[in-house]
Protein backbone atom coordinates (compact mmCIF):
# COMPACT_ATOMS: atom_id res chain seq x y z
CA MET A 1 0.14 0.15 0.24
CA LEU A 2 1.16 3.15 -1.27
CA LEU A 3 0.09 6.59 0.74
CA ASN A 4 0.54 10.06 -0.54
CA ILE A 5 -0.48 13.41 1.38
CA SER A 6 1.31 15.85 0.40
CA SER A 7 1.47 19.43 -0.20
CA SER A 8 -1.86 19.69 -0.59
CA SER A 9 -3.46 16.65 0.51
CA PRO A 10 -4.30 17.45 4.03
CA ILE A 11 -5.36 14.52 6.59
CA SER A 12 -7.75 16.24 6.94
CA HIS A 13 -8.76 17.89 3.48
CA ARG A 14 -10.06 21.63 4.28
CA ASN A 15 -8.55 21.29 7.96
CA ASN A 16 -7.29 24.36 9.04
CA ASN A 17 -7.53 23.52 12.82
CA ASN A 18 -4.39 21.43 12.37
CA PRO A 19 -1.59 22.30 14.96
CA TYR A 20 2.05 22.48 14.28
CA SER A 21 4.18 21.42 16.81
CA LEU A 22 7.16 23.62 17.62
CA SER A 23 8.82 21.03 19.28
CA THR A 24 9.90 18.62 16.75
CA LEU A 25 8.76 20.96 13.67
CA ASN A 26 11.28 19.56 11.19
CA HIS A 27 10.05 15.93 11.26
CA LEU A 28 6.81 15.62 13.02
CA PRO A 29 3.83 16.04 11.13
CA PRO A 30 1.28 18.87 12.68
CA ARG A 31 -1.27 17.70 15.14
CA SER A 32 -5.06 17.74 14.18
CA LYS A 33 -6.89 19.18 17.15
CA THR A 34 -10.34 18.58 15.56
CA HIS A 35 -11.45 17.19 12.41
CA LEU A 36 -12.74 19.74 9.82
CA SER A 37 -13.39 19.80 5.91
CA LYS A 38 -14.07 22.81 3.34
CA SER A 39 -17.20 21.58 3.19
CA HIS A 40 -19.43 23.51 0.42
CA LEU A 41 -20.78 25.44 3.54
CA SER A 42 -17.22 26.36 4.99
CA SER A 43 -14.28 28.99 4.18
CA PRO A 44 -11.72 27.36 1.88
CA PHE A 45 -8.39 27.56 3.46
CA PRO A 46 -5.60 25.58 2.63
CA THR A 47 -4.70 23.18 5.29
CA GLN A 48 -1.41 22.23 7.07
CA SER A 49 -2.65 18.98 8.65
CA LEU A 50 -0.40 16.50 6.99
CA LYS A 51 0.26 19.26 4.45
CA ASN A 52 3.59 18.86 4.15
CA ARG A 53 4.18 15.49 4.67
CA ALA A 54 3.85 12.66 1.89
CA PRO A 55 2.86 8.94 3.82
CA PHE A 56 4.36 6.65 2.40
CA PHE A 57 3.46 2.41 2.64
CA GLY A 58 4.65 -0.28 0.95
CA HIS A 59 2.57 -1.86 -1.26
CA LYS A 60 1.67 -6.03 -2.51
CA ARG A 61 2.93 -7.33 -5.25
CA PHE A 62 0.71 -9.87 -7.89
CA PRO A 63 3.14 -12.50 -9.25
CA PRO A 64 4.68 -12.46 -11.41
CA HIS A 65 2.89 -10.47 -12.51
CA GLY A 66 6.36 35.98 19.42
CA GLU A 67 6.26 42.89 20.00
CA ALA A 68 7.30 45.79 22.48
CA GLU A 69 9.47 45.30 25.58
CA GLN A 70 7.43 42.97 28.30
CA GLN A 71 5.21 45.05 30.09
CA GLN A 72 4.88 42.03 32.60
CA ARG A 73 7.07 38.96 32.83
CA LEU A 74 5.20 35.66 32.92
CA CYS A 75 6.69 32.58 34.19
CA PHE A 76 4.75 29.32 34.78
CA ARG A 77 6.51 26.24 36.39
CA PRO A 78 5.36 23.25 36.47
CA LYS A 79 4.91 21.20 39.41
CA ALA A 80 3.71 17.65 38.16
CA LEU A 81 5.92 15.06 36.97
CA PRO A 82 4.33 13.75 33.48
CA GLY A 83 2.84 10.15 33.78
CA ILE A 84 1.36 7.74 31.24
CA ASP A 85 -1.42 9.25 29.17
CA LEU A 86 -3.61 6.17 28.86
CA SER A 87 -6.22 8.02 26.30
CA SER A 88 -2.82 8.25 23.84
CA PHE A 89 -2.20 5.15 23.97
CA GLU A 90 -5.99 4.02 23.53
CA SER A 91 -5.96 6.70 20.39
CA VAL A 92 -2.92 5.19 19.10
CA LEU A 93 -4.87 2.10 18.76
CA GLU A 94 -7.88 3.68 17.06
CA ALA A 95 -5.70 5.01 14.76
CA THR A 96 -3.84 1.64 14.00
CA ALA A 97 -7.38 -0.07 13.19
CA VAL A 98 -8.19 2.65 11.18
CA LEU A 99 -5.02 2.04 9.02
CA THR A 100 -5.04 -1.46 9.39
CA ALA A 101 -8.79 -1.57 8.27
CA ILE A 102 -8.05 0.37 5.06
CA ILE A 103 -5.45 -2.15 4.17
CA VAL A 104 -7.77 -4.97 4.75
CA VAL A 105 -10.35 -3.16 2.41
CA HIS A 106 -7.93 -2.57 0.00
CA GLU A 107 -6.55 -6.13 0.06
CA SER A 108 -10.21 -7.47 0.26
CA GLY A 109 -10.93 -5.74 -2.96
CA HIS A 110 -8.48 -7.92 -4.87
CA PHE A 111 -8.98 -11.31 -3.03
CA LEU A 112 -12.97 -10.99 -3.67
CA ALA A 113 -12.67 -9.89 -7.29
CA ALA A 114 -10.18 -12.77 -8.08
CA THR A 115 -12.64 -15.82 -5.71
CA LEU A 116 -15.48 -14.38 -7.17
CA GLN A 117 -13.93 -15.31 -10.84
CA GLY A 118 -13.17 -18.39 -9.89
CA ILE A 119 -9.61 -17.76 -9.70
CA HIS A 120 -7.15 -19.67 -7.56
CA VAL A 121 -5.95 -17.76 -4.61
CA SER A 122 -3.38 -19.05 -2.33
CA LYS A 123 -2.40 -15.88 0.28
CA PHE A 124 -4.47 -13.56 2.18
CA ALA A 125 -1.21 -11.16 3.86
CA ILE A 126 -1.48 -7.87 6.08
CA GLY A 127 1.68 -7.00 6.31
CA PHE A 128 5.41 -7.85 4.98
CA GLY A 129 8.42 -10.18 6.27
CA PRO A 130 8.06 -12.63 9.20
CA ILE A 131 5.08 -13.98 10.04
CA LEU A 132 3.44 -13.25 13.04
CA ALA A 133 0.24 -15.64 13.07
CA LYS A 134 -1.86 -17.28 10.58
CA PHE A 135 -4.20 -19.73 9.93
CA ASP A 136 -5.42 -21.82 6.83
CA PHE A 137 -9.03 -21.57 5.26
CA ASN A 138 -10.37 -22.98 2.11
CA ASN A 139 -6.89 -23.38 0.61
CA VAL A 140 -6.38 -19.94 1.44
CA GLU A 141 -3.12 -18.82 3.83
CA TYR A 142 -4.55 -15.39 5.73
CA SER A 143 -1.78 -14.13 7.97
CA LEU A 144 -0.48 -11.21 10.07
CA ARG A 145 3.55 -10.36 9.26
CA ALA A 146 5.96 -8.17 11.07
CA PHE A 147 6.42 -5.01 8.93
CA PRO A 148 3.35 -3.06 9.09
CA LEU A 149 3.62 -1.41 5.16
CA GLY A 150 0.69 -2.55 3.69
CA GLY A 151 -0.29 -6.09 1.94
CA PHE A 152 -0.80 -8.60 -0.28
CA VAL A 153 -2.84 -11.16 -1.48
CA GLY A 154 -0.74 -13.80 -3.01
CA PHE A 155 -1.51 -15.92 -6.24
CA PRO A 156 -0.02 -20.42 -6.65
CA ASP A 157 0.77 -18.91 -10.28
CA ASN A 158 4.80 -19.38 -9.90
CA ASP A 159 4.49 -21.42 -7.03
CA PRO A 160 6.86 -24.32 -7.18
CA ASP A 161 4.89 -25.59 -4.31
CA SER A 162 1.55 -25.85 -5.98
CA GLU A 163 -0.41 -28.75 -6.67
CA ILE A 164 -2.04 -26.72 -9.38
CA ALA A 165 -1.23 -27.47 -13.25
CA THR A 166 0.60 -24.55 -14.61
CA ASP A 167 -1.80 -24.68 -17.90
CA ASP A 168 -5.00 -24.42 -15.21
CA ALA A 169 -7.60 -21.63 -17.06
CA ASN A 170 -8.21 -20.34 -13.62
CA LEU A 171 -4.94 -19.46 -12.62
CA LEU A 172 -4.70 -15.65 -12.73
CA LYS A 173 -1.76 -15.63 -15.12
CA ASN A 174 -3.98 -17.68 -17.83
CA ARG A 175 -7.31 -15.65 -17.80
CA PRO A 176 -8.24 -12.72 -20.08
CA VAL A 177 -6.98 -9.33 -19.75
CA LEU A 178 -10.06 -8.16 -18.60
CA ASP A 179 -10.05 -10.57 -15.79
CA ARG A 180 -6.71 -9.86 -14.42
CA SER A 181 -7.57 -5.95 -15.10
CA ILE A 182 -10.91 -6.20 -12.76
CA VAL A 183 -8.51 -8.17 -10.33
CA VAL A 184 -5.93 -5.83 -10.20
CA SER A 185 -7.96 -2.65 -9.76
CA ALA A 186 -10.41 -3.85 -7.43
CA GLY A 187 -8.50 -3.05 -4.23
CA ILE A 188 -8.44 0.97 -5.81
CA ILE A 189 -12.40 0.35 -6.32
CA ALA A 190 -12.50 -0.99 -2.69
CA ASN A 191 -10.67 2.34 -1.02
CA VAL A 192 -13.04 4.73 -3.40
CA ILE A 193 -16.38 3.24 -2.23
CA PHE A 194 -14.78 2.54 1.59
CA ALA A 195 -13.68 6.27 1.77
CA TYR A 196 -17.55 7.38 -0.14
CA VAL A 197 -19.14 4.84 2.94
CA ILE A 198 -17.45 7.07 5.20
CA ILE A 199 -17.89 10.35 4.01
CA PHE A 200 -21.94 9.40 4.22
CA VAL A 201 -21.77 8.00 7.71
CA GLN A 202 -20.01 11.38 9.12
CA VAL A 203 -22.56 13.29 7.11
CA LEU A 204 -25.68 11.05 8.93
CA SER A 205 -24.31 10.59 12.36
CA VAL A 206 -21.90 13.88 13.25
CA GLY A 207 -22.69 16.02 10.00
CA LEU A 208 -20.14 18.32 8.25
CA PRO A 209 -18.27 21.38 10.05
CA VAL A 210 -18.28 24.16 8.79
CA GLN A 211 -15.56 26.93 10.33
CA GLU A 212 -15.55 30.41 10.81
CA ALA A 213 -11.91 32.22 10.79
CA PHE A 214 -10.35 35.10 12.69
CA PRO A 215 -7.33 36.74 13.33
CA GLY A 216 -4.44 35.55 14.79
CA VAL A 217 -2.97 31.80 15.94
CA LEU A 218 -4.57 29.70 18.29
CA VAL A 219 -2.70 27.36 20.98
CA PRO A 220 -4.28 24.40 21.40
CA GLU A 221 -1.58 22.73 24.07
CA VAL A 222 1.90 23.37 25.38
CA LYS A 223 4.35 20.82 26.52
CA THR A 224 4.67 20.22 29.77
CA PHE A 225 8.48 22.06 30.51
CA SER A 226 8.64 23.74 27.32
CA ALA A 227 10.43 26.80 26.66
CA ALA A 228 6.67 27.63 26.27
CA SER A 229 5.68 26.95 29.64
CA ARG A 230 8.37 27.85 31.40
CA ASP A 231 8.22 31.30 29.91
CA GLY A 232 4.35 31.69 30.46
CA LEU A 233 2.43 30.95 27.23
CA LEU A 234 -0.64 29.25 27.92
CA SER A 235 -3.02 26.74 26.30
CA GLY A 236 -6.03 28.91 24.67
CA ASP A 237 -3.99 31.91 23.93
CA VAL A 238 -4.29 33.60 20.83
CA ILE A 239 -0.88 34.93 19.08
CA LEU A 240 -1.88 38.24 17.44
CA SER A 241 1.72 39.13 16.65
CA VAL A 242 5.06 37.85 17.14
CA ASP A 243 8.23 40.07 17.33
CA GLY A 244 6.19 42.95 15.97
CA ALA A 245 4.88 40.74 12.67
CA GLU A 246 0.90 41.13 13.05
CA LEU A 247 -0.99 37.71 12.22
CA SER A 248 -4.22 39.45 10.64
CA LYS A 249 -4.17 36.96 7.72
CA THR A 250 -5.78 33.33 8.86
CA GLY A 251 -5.36 30.28 7.83
CA PRO A 252 -1.46 27.93 7.59
CA ASP A 253 0.37 31.27 6.24
CA ALA A 254 -0.32 32.77 9.65
CA VAL A 255 0.84 29.42 11.65
CA SER A 256 3.55 28.99 9.13
CA LYS A 257 5.08 33.04 10.14
CA VAL A 258 5.24 31.85 13.55
CA VAL A 259 6.83 28.30 12.83
CA ASP A 260 9.29 30.40 10.89
CA ILE A 261 10.10 33.33 13.56
CA VAL A 262 10.68 30.36 16.15
CA LYS A 263 12.92 28.23 14.30
CA ARG A 264 15.22 30.98 13.19
CA SER A 265 15.55 32.20 16.87
CA PRO A 266 17.12 29.56 19.22
CA GLU A 267 18.03 30.78 22.44
CA SER A 268 16.95 33.98 21.30
CA ASP A 269 13.86 36.12 22.94
CA VAL A 270 10.78 36.39 20.56
CA LEU A 271 8.19 38.51 21.74
CA PHE A 272 4.69 36.91 21.27
CA ARG A 273 1.71 39.60 21.87
CA VAL A 274 -1.47 37.30 23.16
CA GLU A 275 -5.23 37.36 23.45
CA ARG A 276 -5.87 35.52 26.95
CA GLY A 277 -9.75 36.01 27.49
CA ASN A 278 -10.22 39.81 27.54
CA GLN A 279 -6.49 40.10 28.12
CA ASP A 280 -4.03 41.45 25.98
CA LEU A 281 -0.52 40.59 26.83
CA VAL A 282 3.13 40.25 26.01
CA VAL A 283 4.99 37.10 26.72
CA ARG A 284 8.44 37.19 26.23
CA VAL A 285 10.00 33.38 25.08
CA ARG A 286 12.99 31.98 24.60
CA PRO A 287 12.97 29.04 21.96
CA ASP A 288 15.35 26.27 22.81
CA LYS A 289 17.59 25.03 20.65
CA ASN A 290 16.67 22.08 18.64
CA PHE A 291 18.92 19.06 17.76
CA ASP A 292 18.96 20.11 14.27
CA GLY A 293 20.15 24.08 15.84
CA THR A 294 16.57 25.65 14.82
CA GLY A 295 14.08 27.18 17.51
CA LYS A 296 11.78 25.29 19.14
CA ILE A 297 9.00 25.93 22.17
CA GLY A 298 7.40 23.43 22.63
CA VAL A 299 3.79 24.10 21.80
CA GLN A 300 1.11 23.01 18.91
CA LEU A 301 -0.22 25.58 16.80
CA SER A 302 -3.36 26.45 14.96
CA PRO A 303 -5.55 28.52 12.22
CA ASN A 304 -7.85 30.36 14.35
CA VAL A 305 -11.12 29.26 13.44
CA ARG A 306 -14.59 28.10 15.37
CA ILE A 307 -16.10 25.15 14.21
CA THR A 308 -19.60 24.23 14.07
CA LYS A 309 -21.61 21.21 12.61
CA VAL A 310 -24.64 21.19 9.89
CA ARG A 311 -26.73 18.33 9.06
CA PRO A 312 -28.67 17.27 6.19
CA ARG A 313 -32.19 17.74 6.36
CA ASN A 314 -33.40 15.21 3.41
CA VAL A 315 -31.98 12.52 1.44
CA SER A 316 -31.23 14.55 -1.18
CA GLU A 317 -29.08 16.91 0.65
CA THR A 318 -27.36 13.93 2.12
CA PHE A 319 -26.32 12.96 -1.23
CA ARG A 320 -25.63 16.27 -1.87
CA PHE A 321 -23.38 16.99 1.12
CA VAL A 322 -21.31 13.74 0.37
CA GLY A 323 -20.69 13.71 -3.32
CA LYS A 324 -19.39 17.60 -2.67
CA GLU A 325 -16.97 16.59 0.25
CA PHE A 326 -15.71 13.49 -1.91
CA MET A 327 -15.26 15.39 -4.87
CA GLY A 328 -13.35 18.02 -2.30
CA LEU A 329 -11.31 15.29 -1.02
CA SER A 330 -10.29 13.91 -4.09
CA SER A 331 -9.60 16.80 -5.76
CA ASN A 332 -7.25 18.07 -2.76
CA VAL A 333 -5.67 14.67 -3.05
CA VAL A 334 -4.72 15.12 -6.76
CA ASP A 335 -3.42 18.62 -6.41
CA GLY A 336 -1.48 17.56 -3.48
CA LEU A 337 0.53 14.37 -5.62
CA LYS A 338 1.06 16.97 -8.67
CA GLN A 339 2.73 19.01 -6.12
CA THR A 340 4.66 16.42 -4.82
CA PHE A 341 5.97 15.32 -8.16
CA PHE A 342 6.37 18.57 -9.71
CA ASN A 343 8.43 20.11 -6.87
CA PHE A 344 10.33 16.95 -5.52
CA SER A 345 13.02 18.71 -4.54
CA GLN A 346 11.49 20.15 -1.97
CA THR A 347 8.87 17.86 -0.88
CA ALA A 348 11.40 14.75 -0.77
CA SER A 349 12.60 15.50 2.72
CA LYS A 350 8.70 15.79 3.89
CA VAL A 351 7.75 12.29 2.96
CA ALA A 352 6.22 10.56 6.33
CA GLY A 353 5.73 6.93 6.87
CA PRO A 354 2.82 4.82 8.96
CA VAL A 355 4.75 6.22 11.89
CA ALA A 356 4.10 9.59 11.04
CA ILE A 357 0.74 9.10 9.86
CA ILE A 358 -0.41 6.80 13.20
CA ALA A 359 0.91 9.74 14.82
CA VAL A 360 -1.28 11.92 13.32
CA GLY A 361 -4.14 9.94 13.64
CA ALA A 362 -3.53 9.32 17.38
CA GLU A 363 -3.68 13.03 17.75
CA VAL A 364 -7.08 13.43 15.55
CA ALA A 365 -8.66 10.75 17.97
CA ARG A 366 -7.26 11.90 20.84
CA SER A 367 -8.32 15.42 20.49
CA ASN A 368 -12.10 14.85 18.69
CA ALA A 369 -12.82 11.07 17.63
CA ASP A 370 -15.28 12.29 15.37
CA GLY A 371 -12.00 13.41 12.48
CA LEU A 372 -11.14 9.59 12.37
CA TYR A 373 -13.34 10.03 9.74
CA GLN A 374 -11.83 12.45 7.58
CA PHE A 375 -8.77 10.39 8.42
CA ALA A 376 -10.12 7.68 7.12
CA ALA A 377 -11.42 9.09 4.13
CA LEU A 378 -8.66 10.67 3.06
CA LEU A 379 -5.89 7.43 3.65
CA ASN A 380 -8.33 5.63 1.24
CA ILE A 381 -8.71 8.24 -1.40
CA ASN A 382 -4.95 8.93 -0.72
CA LEU A 383 -4.36 4.96 -1.92
CA ALA A 384 -6.65 5.00 -4.59
CA VAL A 385 -5.12 7.52 -6.49
CA ILE A 386 -1.69 6.30 -5.59
CA ASN A 387 -1.92 3.25 -6.71
CA LEU A 388 -3.09 4.20 -10.26
CA LEU A 389 0.55 5.33 -10.83
CA PRO A 390 2.09 3.33 -13.60
CA LEU A 391 5.46 2.70 -11.17
CA PRO A 392 6.28 -0.90 -10.29
CA ALA A 393 4.64 -2.75 -7.12
CA LEU A 394 1.74 -0.50 -6.92
CA ASP A 395 -1.85 -1.33 -9.02
CA GLY A 396 -1.06 0.68 -11.46
CA GLY A 397 2.60 -0.75 -12.84
CA THR A 398 0.55 -4.22 -12.56
CA LEU A 399 -2.41 -2.52 -15.07
CA ALA A 400 0.28 -1.13 -17.14
CA LEU A 401 1.79 -4.17 -18.16
CA ILE A 402 -1.42 -6.20 -18.93
CA LEU A 403 -1.71 -3.09 -20.99
CA LEU A 404 1.15 -3.49 -22.41
CA GLU A 405 0.23 -7.17 -22.90
CA ALA A 406 -3.12 -5.92 -24.69
CA VAL A 407 -1.22 -3.22 -27.27
CA ARG A 408 0.92 -6.31 -28.14
CA GLY A 409 -1.80 -8.55 -29.12
CA GLY A 410 -1.94 -10.87 -26.22
CA ARG A 411 1.87 -11.50 -26.06
CA LYS A 412 3.33 -11.50 -22.74
CA LEU A 413 6.20 -10.00 -21.86
CA PRO A 414 9.13 -12.71 -21.08
CA VAL A 415 8.57 -14.01 -17.25
CA GLU A 416 11.78 -13.17 -15.91
CA VAL A 417 11.10 -9.47 -17.53
CA GLU A 418 8.39 -9.09 -15.15
CA GLN A 419 9.46 -10.82 -12.11
CA GLY A 420 12.63 -8.34 -12.43
CA ILE A 421 10.13 -5.45 -12.72
CA MET A 422 7.87 -6.17 -9.96
CA SER A 423 10.80 -7.65 -7.86
CA SER A 424 12.74 -4.18 -7.92
CA GLY A 425 9.61 -1.75 -7.08
CA ILE A 426 8.98 -4.12 -4.65
CA MET A 427 12.18 -4.16 -2.74
CA LEU A 428 12.26 -0.25 -3.52
CA VAL A 429 9.58 0.17 -1.77
CA LEU A 430 10.31 -1.98 1.59
CA PHE A 431 13.85 -0.31 1.76
CA LEU A 432 12.07 3.04 1.64
CA GLY A 433 9.10 2.10 3.89
CA LEU A 434 11.68 0.68 6.72
CA PHE A 435 13.45 4.15 6.31
CA LEU A 436 10.69 6.41 6.72
CA ILE A 437 9.66 4.16 9.96
CA VAL A 438 13.04 4.58 11.44
CA LYS A 439 13.33 8.66 10.68
CA ASP A 440 9.81 9.04 12.08
CA THR A 441 10.11 7.07 15.11
CA LEU A 442 13.28 9.25 15.71
CA SER A 443 11.04 12.40 15.26
CA LEU A 444 8.45 11.14 18.02
CA ASP A 445 8.36 14.07 21.02
CA PHE A 446 9.16 11.40 23.56
CA ILE A 447 12.04 10.19 21.39
CA GLN A 448 13.39 14.04 21.14
CA GLU A 449 12.91 14.50 24.45
CA MET A 450 15.71 11.74 25.07
CA LEU A 451 17.88 12.84 22.51
């Protein structure tokens, strides 16, 4: 499974309340404090949720085929030691469950498309690598594997231990082009349908969010023992200016301005003019130096917006809400993919793996479980769009080979050539996926605090 949530494809596709963590700005994806969508009723602010991250997972393969001087210094010293946040653990489990469900749906699409056509299937796996658990049913091995980079459906076409004759008409490789195309594309179709169903359930159960924007940048959370906590920023503050730079403009650009100033000011005072209830205060914060030399203050930031939810009044309005939301999400994903490819030199360092995706999903679940709807819908659409790309180890790559076969009048490429193309793609996906898991793990907040 390969996912891309990049430049313009946020995890909450129209989410303007996706906080940045200023403790690990260069690596962690911004956190989402609530699920928001730019529905047809809301203001179209671009989002930075996972906007600057391009999550990547491996896929399966088919064989072979802060202004003026501070007026009053504010200093709050936390006394309590941080403990284990069980709710955070639960939210990680929820995010992991969502990701796993998306993988299962994708692979089930391939599996059902094959079995309903009478095509032999030998394996159904979630993950890659060593088997952690397995069972056999109806001559199919179902397994859970060590590396959560996706999954695969296996076919006995070129299995030397298979007892099925190589000329069996129900082997995938012996089926007509149309039958094989249906099997390969079924995972993509399953994810698209699943995304639509998720949005439909969201509209019926919680409604669609409508957002009203206000000047400034909101501070949803201040980390214990951070520079911000030490020097007086509080959760719920609204930053109106940083070092005299007004933040009148709403949206992610305002957040980015704060982020940039903090990153450029390690161990140098930064003046924040903040609104705290009915008070207008100036707070001086001295950012700590991050391991990469940039400044960090240990807060999460988000555009200053207020959210309400709207429910459809009738059946036709329900489908209209769902349709517009689905198309908006899809358009955002495609735009993000374009920016990733056309600006790859700028986006390559922002590619993220399953650890980063689960970290964002966990924050969404912990802050507002409703946000899991959009988290899941966007991941499904990303997976579908990415897998359409004609690249080795992706569904689109297999479809491209099938199309080439059709163009060649039914003549297939030599088995060794197909296997070489697919094997190289799978190895690239596995190595890149493992690299991203290590990179994103080292970027987690609690890991950074230990470095």
